[in-house]
Amino acid sequence: MNYDQHFIKDDLVAARIVKYARVSSKYKVIEIGSGNGVITKQLVKKSPVTTIEIDPKLCEELEKLKLPNLKVINKNILSYNIDFDIAVSNLPFNICEPYFNILIKKEFKRCVFCVPISFSNRLTNEQGLLSLIIPLFFKIKVLETIPREAILPIPKTDCAIISVVPQRICSKKNSVIKEIYLQMDKKLKVAIRESYCKVLKLTKKQANERLPKLDYLEKRVYMLNYIEWKQLILQI
């Protein structure tokens, strides 16, 4: 089975990732995808760690190392629910976006991830849905770039180490937009109405009266494109 695995081969890069994460024993720390264990070995020096690794062979190899402070769980992080304070990961390239959609529903202190630089650009720079929505939930900071040669197998793009910290203070408008985004399967008009009721404490009638004048209110939220989201945000 192909797990889209790319491993950090540089111990110094792994050490910097752990340093950025500021892990300690007072926090519940997880690692997503232990891979070859290069980050794991650095993490267990600082704190007890639970690593969630989908590949059973890699789990076996990690168990053989008998590292202190380590619990290994052979699960897919996209379907395995676990609470944490700090998450550290060289995120598998193919789960970057799906995992961020899980992360927006989590309560945590911070995450430090190594991701393709193309994905970090989508979060922070490019005009796209991710760069429009994700900043409502998180403060994203690019900490450094990593040359592709530091990764095995060598990917097509350089990578970036990013920090992800939840937005603690949010305007009422942004809170409404966040609530709408979290209701992906509902029709837009229903998601807006329920978000108004929850955040602004409006009655259902008041919320209906405040619905924006958009011609795609019958669409499901997950079907909205970048332009439609931009129009919606302007009218909320």
Protein backbone atom coordinates (compact mmCIF):
# COMPACT_ATOMS: atom_id res chain seq x y z
CA MET A 1 0.00 0.00 0.00
CA ASN A 2 1.28 3.49 -0.87
CA TYR A 3 1.22 5.82 2.12
CA ASP A 4 2.90 8.74 0.27
CA GLN A 5 5.83 8.59 2.68
CA HIS A 6 8.65 11.13 2.67
CA PHE A 7 11.20 10.94 5.45
CA ILE A 8 13.39 13.67 6.91
CA LYS A 9 16.97 12.40 6.80
CA ASP A 10 18.68 15.32 8.56
CA ASP A 11 18.86 15.06 12.37
CA LEU A 12 19.49 18.80 12.64
CA VAL A 13 16.25 19.57 10.80
CA ALA A 14 14.37 17.19 13.10
CA ALA A 15 15.92 18.84 16.16
CA ARG A 16 14.83 22.28 14.96
CA ILE A 17 11.26 21.08 14.40
CA VAL A 18 11.14 19.82 17.99
CA LYS A 19 12.68 23.06 19.27
CA TYR A 20 10.01 25.10 17.47
CA ALA A 21 7.29 22.93 19.06
CA ARG A 22 8.52 23.71 22.61
CA VAL A 23 7.35 20.37 23.93
CA SER A 24 7.57 19.47 27.59
CA SER A 25 6.19 16.89 29.99
CA LYS A 26 3.38 19.20 31.09
CA TYR A 27 1.73 18.91 27.66
CA LYS A 28 0.10 15.98 25.88
CA VAL A 29 2.28 15.58 22.80
CA ILE A 30 1.50 13.58 19.68
CA GLU A 31 3.45 12.90 16.53
CA ILE A 32 1.55 12.25 13.31
CA GLY A 33 3.38 9.68 11.23
CA SER A 34 6.59 8.60 12.91
CA GLY A 35 8.10 7.48 9.61
CA ASN A 36 11.76 6.58 10.08
CA GLY A 37 11.70 7.88 13.66
CA VAL A 38 14.11 10.77 13.15
CA ILE A 39 11.71 13.31 14.74
CA THR A 40 10.46 10.76 17.28
CA LYS A 41 13.95 10.26 18.70
CA GLN A 42 14.24 14.00 19.31
CA LEU A 43 10.75 14.29 20.83
CA VAL A 44 11.16 11.57 23.46
CA LYS A 45 14.17 13.43 24.88
CA LYS A 46 11.81 16.25 25.88
CA SER A 47 8.45 14.67 26.70
CA PRO A 48 6.30 11.54 26.67
CA VAL A 49 4.98 11.15 23.12
CA THR A 50 2.16 9.25 21.44
CA THR A 51 2.88 8.63 17.79
CA ILE A 52 0.12 7.70 15.35
CA GLU A 53 1.54 5.80 12.38
CA ILE A 54 -0.56 4.19 9.65
CA ASP A 55 2.15 1.82 8.33
CA PRO A 56 2.31 -1.37 10.46
CA LYS A 57 5.86 -2.14 9.30
CA LEU A 58 7.10 1.25 10.50
CA CYS A 59 5.29 0.72 13.81
CA GLU A 60 7.16 -2.57 14.24
CA GLU A 61 10.49 -0.91 13.49
CA LEU A 62 9.75 1.85 15.96
CA GLU A 63 8.79 -0.62 18.68
CA LYS A 64 12.11 -2.41 18.18
CA LEU A 65 13.98 0.79 19.09
CA LYS A 66 12.47 0.59 22.61
CA LEU A 67 12.54 4.37 22.96
CA PRO A 68 11.61 5.72 26.39
CA ASN A 69 8.51 7.91 26.78
CA LEU A 70 6.95 6.52 23.59
CA LYS A 71 3.54 5.01 22.86
CA VAL A 72 2.99 3.76 19.30
CA ILE A 73 -0.51 3.56 17.82
CA ASN A 74 -1.04 1.91 14.44
CA LYS A 75 -3.94 4.01 13.12
CA ASN A 76 -4.85 6.42 10.33
CA ILE A 77 -4.87 9.93 11.85
CA LEU A 78 -7.69 10.93 9.47
CA SER A 79 -10.05 8.47 11.16
CA TYR A 80 -8.51 8.17 14.63
CA ASN A 81 -9.67 10.75 17.16
CA ILE A 82 -7.10 11.79 19.75
CA ASP A 83 -6.88 14.89 21.94
CA PHE A 84 -3.57 16.71 22.31
CA ASP A 85 -1.90 19.94 23.36
CA ILE A 86 0.96 19.89 20.87
CA ALA A 87 1.21 18.02 17.56
CA VAL A 88 4.44 17.58 15.62
CA SER A 89 4.70 16.02 12.20
CA ASN A 90 6.41 15.69 8.90
CA LEU A 91 2.90 15.51 7.45
CA PRO A 92 2.37 12.99 4.67
CA PHE A 93 1.87 15.14 1.58
CA ASN A 94 -1.47 13.60 0.63
CA ILE A 95 -3.14 14.34 3.99
CA CYS A 96 -2.12 17.98 4.46
CA GLU A 97 -5.44 19.49 3.39
CA PRO A 98 -7.69 16.72 4.82
CA TYR A 99 -5.96 16.97 8.19
CA PHE A 100 -6.41 20.73 8.37
CA ASN A 101 -10.14 20.18 7.93
CA ILE A 102 -9.97 17.95 11.02
CA LEU A 103 -7.75 20.38 12.90
CA ILE A 104 -10.30 23.20 12.70
CA LYS A 105 -12.57 21.18 15.01
CA LYS A 106 -9.84 20.55 17.59
CA GLU A 107 -8.81 22.35 20.76
CA PHE A 108 -5.02 22.49 21.11
CA LYS A 109 -2.10 24.74 21.98
CA ARG A 110 0.05 24.56 18.85
CA CYS A 111 1.23 22.38 15.99
CA VAL A 112 4.54 22.37 14.16
CA PHE A 113 4.45 20.67 10.77
CA CYS A 114 6.80 20.08 7.89
CA VAL A 115 4.75 20.47 4.68
CA PRO A 116 5.42 21.00 0.97
CA ILE A 117 6.17 24.66 0.34
CA SER A 118 3.40 24.65 -2.26
CA PHE A 119 0.93 23.80 0.52
CA SER A 120 2.30 26.45 2.90
CA ASN A 121 1.85 28.99 0.09
CA ARG A 122 -1.77 27.90 -0.29
CA LEU A 123 -2.27 28.56 3.42
CA THR A 124 -0.60 31.96 3.53
CA ASN A 125 -0.10 33.60 0.15
CA GLU A 126 -2.13 32.36 -2.77
CA GLN A 127 -5.64 33.46 -3.63
CA GLY A 128 -7.58 30.34 -2.85
CA LEU A 129 -10.12 28.90 -0.46
CA LEU A 130 -7.54 27.72 2.08
CA SER A 131 -5.87 31.14 2.39
CA LEU A 132 -9.34 32.70 2.72
CA ILE A 133 -10.70 30.38 5.42
CA ILE A 134 -7.78 28.93 7.39
CA PRO A 135 -6.63 32.32 8.84
CA LEU A 136 -10.05 32.59 10.51
CA PHE A 137 -9.15 29.53 12.58
CA PHE A 138 -5.37 29.69 12.92
CA LYS A 139 -2.33 31.90 12.93
CA ILE A 140 0.01 30.29 10.41
CA LYS A 141 3.69 31.19 10.40
CA VAL A 142 6.39 29.86 8.09
CA LEU A 143 9.37 29.25 10.38
CA GLU A 144 11.88 28.14 7.77
CA THR A 145 12.21 26.41 4.42
CA ILE A 146 13.90 23.05 3.97
CA PRO A 147 15.63 22.05 0.73
CA ARG A 148 14.07 19.03 -0.91
CA GLU A 149 17.42 17.23 -0.62
CA ALA A 150 16.83 16.93 3.15
CA ILE A 151 13.87 14.61 2.42
CA LEU A 152 13.84 11.01 1.20
CA PRO A 153 12.69 10.19 -1.39
CA ILE A 154 13.49 13.63 -2.76
CA PRO A 155 10.12 15.36 -3.45
CA LYS A 156 9.35 17.63 -6.39
CA THR A 157 9.24 20.70 -4.15
CA ASP A 158 11.09 22.18 -1.21
CA CYS A 159 9.36 21.99 2.16
CA ALA A 160 8.51 24.45 4.91
CA ILE A 161 8.31 24.16 8.67
CA ILE A 162 5.15 25.94 9.80
CA SER A 163 3.57 26.69 13.16
CA VAL A 164 -0.19 26.51 13.60
CA VAL A 165 -1.73 28.31 16.58
CA PRO A 166 -5.50 28.66 17.14
CA GLN A 167 -7.00 32.14 16.87
CA ARG A 168 -8.09 32.91 20.43
CA ILE A 169 -9.82 36.24 19.76
CA CYS A 170 -12.27 36.39 16.89
CA SER A 171 -14.70 39.07 15.68
CA LYS A 172 -18.38 38.17 15.57
CA LYS A 173 -18.29 38.29 11.78
CA ASN A 174 -15.38 35.84 11.63
CA SER A 175 -17.08 33.65 14.22
CA VAL A 176 -20.17 33.46 11.98
CA ILE A 177 -18.03 32.54 8.96
CA LYS A 178 -16.24 29.85 10.95
CA GLU A 179 -19.57 28.36 12.04
CA ILE A 180 -20.78 28.31 8.43
CA TYR A 181 -17.60 26.53 7.30
CA LEU A 182 -18.05 23.88 9.97
CA GLN A 183 -21.49 22.99 8.57
CA MET A 184 -20.20 21.60 5.28
CA ASP A 185 -23.09 19.24 4.54
CA LYS A 186 -25.88 21.77 5.10
CA LYS A 187 -27.43 24.12 2.58
CA LEU A 188 -25.81 27.52 2.76
CA LYS A 189 -28.96 29.34 3.85
CA VAL A 190 -29.45 26.87 6.72
CA ALA A 191 -25.80 27.13 7.78
CA ILE A 192 -25.97 30.94 7.76
CA ARG A 193 -29.21 31.01 9.72
CA GLU A 194 -27.94 28.59 12.36
CA SER A 195 -24.64 30.47 12.62
CA TYR A 196 -26.48 33.76 13.15
CA CYS A 197 -28.60 32.15 15.87
CA LYS A 198 -25.59 30.63 17.64
CA VAL A 199 -23.11 33.52 17.41
CA LEU A 200 -25.36 36.58 17.31
CA LYS A 201 -28.12 35.09 19.50
CA LEU A 202 -30.79 35.93 16.91
CA THR A 203 -34.16 34.26 16.62
CA LYS A 204 -34.79 32.10 13.58
CA LYS A 205 -37.00 34.86 12.13
CA GLN A 206 -34.36 37.53 12.71
CA ALA A 207 -31.70 35.31 11.15
CA ASN A 208 -33.86 34.69 8.06
CA GLU A 209 -34.33 38.43 7.65
CA ARG A 210 -30.55 38.92 7.64
CA LEU A 211 -29.77 36.30 5.01
CA PRO A 212 -27.48 37.79 2.33
CA LYS A 213 -28.81 38.32 -1.19
CA LEU A 214 -26.95 35.54 -2.96
CA ASP A 215 -28.18 33.33 -5.78
CA TYR A 216 -26.50 30.19 -4.43
CA LEU A 217 -28.10 29.94 -0.98
CA GLU A 218 -29.51 26.51 -1.92
CA LYS A 219 -26.02 25.11 -2.47
CA ARG A 220 -24.38 22.86 0.08
CA VAL A 221 -21.55 24.62 1.89
CA TYR A 222 -18.93 22.13 0.65
CA MET A 223 -19.85 23.03 -2.95
CA LEU A 224 -18.92 26.71 -2.67
CA ASN A 225 -15.95 27.88 -4.70
CA TYR A 226 -13.43 30.60 -3.88
CA ILE A 227 -15.41 33.42 -5.56
CA GLU A 228 -18.64 32.40 -3.82
CA TRP A 229 -16.92 32.31 -0.43
CA LYS A 230 -15.42 35.73 -1.07
CA GLN A 231 -18.85 37.16 -1.95
CA LEU A 232 -20.37 35.52 1.11
CA ILE A 233 -17.74 36.95 3.46
CA LEU A 234 -18.34 40.45 2.09
CA GLN A 235 -22.09 40.18 2.79
CA ILE A 236 -22.02 38.61 6.26
